Amino acid sequence: MNILENKNGNIVILAPQGRLDITNSGDLEKKLLSLIDIGEKQFILDFRNLIYISSNGLRALLVGAKRLKGEGGTIVLCSMAEQIKEVFDCAGFSSIFKIYSTDTEALEAF
């Protein structure tokens, strides 16, 4: 899995590509935590190129969100395929994270 990184002002945009599962969810978790450690507090995770997410991927997001909560930061999600949205709904994560249809909407949320 590749994770594209971009920045728009003080907002870090991370775009994981492919599958987010047990083999690579640690990569996303490490990326999030390292960015938080250097002071980043506002994140958009753009899922337009994500085709699968496992419970390990959900856990990585939760770890980042919990760390950010203590730092006064936030993670929002955008551009989810329907099958990814269904995983979030079934796991109850749709009530934990703000989810936007597009990256533009996610940027405007900040």
C-alpha atoms as a PDB file:
ATOM      1  CA  MET A   1       0.000   0.000   0.000  1.00  0.00           C
ATOM      2  CA  ASN A   2       1.172   3.451  -0.863  1.00  0.00           C
ATOM      3  CA  ILE A   3       0.197   6.492   1.227  1.00  0.00           C
ATOM      4  CA  LEU A   4       0.275   9.769  -0.659  1.00  0.00           C
ATOM      5  CA  GLU A   5       0.873  12.816   1.505  1.00  0.00           C
ATOM      6  CA  ASN A   6      -0.022  16.400   0.699  1.00  0.00           C
ATOM      7  CA  LYS A   7      -0.586  19.569   2.668  1.00  0.00           C
ATOM      8  CA  ASN A   8      -3.154  22.334   2.272  1.00  0.00           C
ATOM      9  CA  GLY A   9      -2.272  25.126   4.692  1.00  0.00           C
ATOM     10  CA  ASN A  10      -2.124  23.493   8.128  1.00  0.00           C
ATOM     11  CA  ILE A  11      -4.114  20.431   7.026  1.00  0.00           C
ATOM     12  CA  VAL A  12      -2.282  17.199   6.223  1.00  0.00           C
ATOM     13  CA  ILE A  13      -3.980  15.111   3.563  1.00  0.00           C
ATOM     14  CA  LEU A  14      -3.149  11.412   3.565  1.00  0.00           C
ATOM     15  CA  ALA A  15      -4.435   9.221   0.755  1.00  0.00           C
ATOM     16  CA  PRO A  16      -3.906   5.495   1.282  1.00  0.00           C
ATOM     17  CA  GLN A  17      -4.135   3.455  -1.897  1.00  0.00           C
ATOM     18  CA  GLY A  18      -5.181  -0.139  -2.398  1.00  0.00           C
ATOM     19  CA  ARG A  19      -5.847  -2.299   0.650  1.00  0.00           C
ATOM     20  CA  LEU A  20      -5.529  -1.271   4.279  1.00  0.00           C
ATOM     21  CA  ASP A  21      -5.205  -4.515   6.186  1.00  0.00           C
ATOM     22  CA  ILE A  22      -3.056  -6.446   8.672  1.00  0.00           C
ATOM     23  CA  THR A  23      -0.020  -6.362   6.380  1.00  0.00           C
ATOM     24  CA  ASN A  24       0.178  -2.575   6.152  1.00  0.00           C
ATOM     25  CA  SER A  25      -2.134  -0.880   8.678  1.00  0.00           C
ATOM     26  CA  GLY A  26       0.927  -0.338  10.881  1.00  0.00           C
ATOM     27  CA  ASP A  27       2.392   1.868   8.146  1.00  0.00           C
ATOM     28  CA  LEU A  28      -0.591   4.224   8.312  1.00  0.00           C
ATOM     29  CA  GLU A  29      -0.553   4.224  12.117  1.00  0.00           C
ATOM     30  CA  LYS A  30       3.180   5.058  12.185  1.00  0.00           C
ATOM     31  CA  LYS A  31       2.692   7.805   9.591  1.00  0.00           C
ATOM     32  CA  LEU A  32      -0.146   9.402  11.573  1.00  0.00           C
ATOM     33  CA  LEU A  33       1.668   9.187  14.906  1.00  0.00           C
ATOM     34  CA  SER A  34       4.930  10.551  13.503  1.00  0.00           C
ATOM     35  CA  LEU A  35       3.099  13.528  12.000  1.00  0.00           C
ATOM     36  CA  ILE A  36       1.291  14.149  15.295  1.00  0.00           C
ATOM     37  CA  ASP A  37       4.627  13.935  17.113  1.00  0.00           C
ATOM     38  CA  ILE A  38       6.007  16.793  15.003  1.00  0.00           C
ATOM     39  CA  GLY A  39       2.981  18.975  15.761  1.00  0.00           C
ATOM     40  CA  GLU A  40       0.474  18.273  13.002  1.00  0.00           C
ATOM     41  CA  LYS A  41      -3.099  18.389  14.315  1.00  0.00           C
ATOM     42  CA  GLN A  42      -5.478  18.561  11.374  1.00  0.00           C
ATOM     43  CA  PHE A  43      -5.859  15.586   9.028  1.00  0.00           C
ATOM     44  CA  ILE A  44      -7.950  14.546   6.077  1.00  0.00           C
ATOM     45  CA  LEU A  45      -7.796  10.921   5.055  1.00  0.00           C
ATOM     46  CA  ASP A  46      -8.819  10.723   1.427  1.00  0.00           C
ATOM     47  CA  PHE A  47     -10.077   7.217   0.667  1.00  0.00           C
ATOM     48  CA  ARG A  48     -10.841   7.652  -3.043  1.00  0.00           C
ATOM     49  CA  ASN A  49      -8.225   5.017  -3.964  1.00  0.00           C
ATOM     50  CA  LEU A  50      -8.826   2.672  -1.047  1.00  0.00           C
ATOM     51  CA  ILE A  51     -10.502  -0.575  -2.112  1.00  0.00           C
ATOM     52  CA  TYR A  52     -10.506  -2.502   1.177  1.00  0.00           C
ATOM     53  CA  ILE A  53     -10.179  -1.827   4.896  1.00  0.00           C
ATOM     54  CA  SER A  54      -9.906  -4.453   7.627  1.00  0.00           C
ATOM     55  CA  SER A  55     -10.395  -4.171  11.367  1.00  0.00           C
ATOM     56  CA  ASN A  56      -6.642  -3.536  11.621  1.00  0.00           C
ATOM     57  CA  GLY A  57      -7.037  -0.527   9.352  1.00  0.00           C
ATOM     58  CA  LEU A  58      -9.901   0.750  11.500  1.00  0.00           C
ATOM     59  CA  ARG A  59      -7.722   0.297  14.580  1.00  0.00           C
ATOM     60  CA  ALA A  60      -4.934   2.394  13.041  1.00  0.00           C
ATOM     61  CA  LEU A  61      -7.402   5.229  12.484  1.00  0.00           C
ATOM     62  CA  LEU A  62      -8.714   4.926  16.021  1.00  0.00           C
ATOM     63  CA  VAL A  63      -5.208   5.073  17.506  1.00  0.00           C
ATOM     64  CA  GLY A  64      -4.498   8.267  15.552  1.00  0.00           C
ATOM     65  CA  ALA A  65      -7.835   9.821  16.510  1.00  0.00           C
ATOM     66  CA  LYS A  66      -7.324   9.075  20.211  1.00  0.00           C
ATOM     67  CA  ARG A  67      -3.856  10.615  20.164  1.00  0.00           C
ATOM     68  CA  LEU A  68      -5.172  13.681  18.349  1.00  0.00           C
ATOM     69  CA  LYS A  69      -8.026  14.133  20.793  1.00  0.00           C
ATOM     70  CA  GLY A  70      -5.468  14.651  23.558  1.00  0.00           C
ATOM     71  CA  GLU A  71      -3.625  17.150  21.356  1.00  0.00           C
ATOM     72  CA  GLY A  72      -6.728  19.116  20.348  1.00  0.00           C
ATOM     73  CA  GLY A  73      -6.615  17.865  16.771  1.00  0.00           C
ATOM     74  CA  THR A  74      -8.932  15.998  14.472  1.00  0.00           C
ATOM     75  CA  ILE A  75      -9.157  13.530  11.597  1.00  0.00           C
ATOM     76  CA  VAL A  76     -11.888  13.726   8.990  1.00  0.00           C
ATOM     77  CA  LEU A  77     -12.441  11.233   6.195  1.00  0.00           C
ATOM     78  CA  CYS A  78     -13.602  11.709   2.626  1.00  0.00           C
ATOM     79  CA  SER A  79     -14.260  10.146  -0.751  1.00  0.00           C
ATOM     80  CA  MET A  80     -15.166   6.663   0.463  1.00  0.00           C
ATOM     81  CA  ALA A  81     -16.319   3.964  -1.908  1.00  0.00           C
ATOM     82  CA  GLU A  82     -19.635   2.441  -0.878  1.00  0.00           C
ATOM     83  CA  GLN A  83     -18.056  -0.817   0.329  1.00  0.00           C
ATOM     84  CA  ILE A  84     -15.675   1.128   2.598  1.00  0.00           C
ATOM     85  CA  LYS A  85     -18.552   3.241   3.953  1.00  0.00           C
ATOM     86  CA  GLU A  86     -20.463   0.041   4.758  1.00  0.00           C
ATOM     87  CA  VAL A  87     -17.535  -1.214   6.853  1.00  0.00           C
ATOM     88  CA  PHE A  88     -17.492   2.063   8.788  1.00  0.00           C
ATOM     89  CA  ASP A  89     -21.259   1.904   9.302  1.00  0.00           C
ATOM     90  CA  CYS A  90     -21.213  -1.732  10.471  1.00  0.00           C
ATOM     91  CA  ALA A  91     -18.316  -1.127  12.862  1.00  0.00           C
ATOM     92  CA  GLY A  92     -19.928   2.008  14.308  1.00  0.00           C
ATOM     93  CA  PHE A  93     -17.051   4.173  13.093  1.00  0.00           C
ATOM     94  CA  SER A  94     -19.397   6.482  11.178  1.00  0.00           C
ATOM     95  CA  SER A  95     -20.350   7.962  14.534  1.00  0.00           C
ATOM     96  CA  ILE A  96     -16.695   8.409  15.563  1.00  0.00           C
ATOM     97  CA  PHE A  97     -15.386  10.113  12.426  1.00  0.00           C
ATOM     98  CA  LYS A  98     -16.834  12.907  10.332  1.00  0.00           C
ATOM     99  CA  ILE A  99     -17.134  11.575   6.790  1.00  0.00           C
ATOM    100  CA  TYR A 100     -17.491  13.825   3.747  1.00  0.00           C
ATOM    101  CA  SER A 101     -18.374  12.930   0.186  1.00  0.00           C
ATOM    102  CA  THR A 102     -15.525  14.927  -1.371  1.00  0.00           C
ATOM    103  CA  ASP A 103     -12.152  16.353  -0.438  1.00  0.00           C
ATOM    104  CA  THR A 104     -13.537  19.850  -1.047  1.00  0.00           C
ATOM    105  CA  GLU A 105     -16.233  19.312   1.586  1.00  0.00           C
ATOM    106  CA  ALA A 106     -13.652  17.923   3.990  1.00  0.00           C
ATOM    107  CA  LEU A 107     -11.402  20.970   3.510  1.00  0.00           C
ATOM    108  CA  GLU A 108     -14.339  23.310   4.043  1.00  0.00           C
ATOM    109  CA  ALA A 109     -15.102  21.547   7.348  1.00  0.00           C
ATOM    110  CA  PHE A 110     -11.933  23.058   8.805  1.00  0.00           C
END
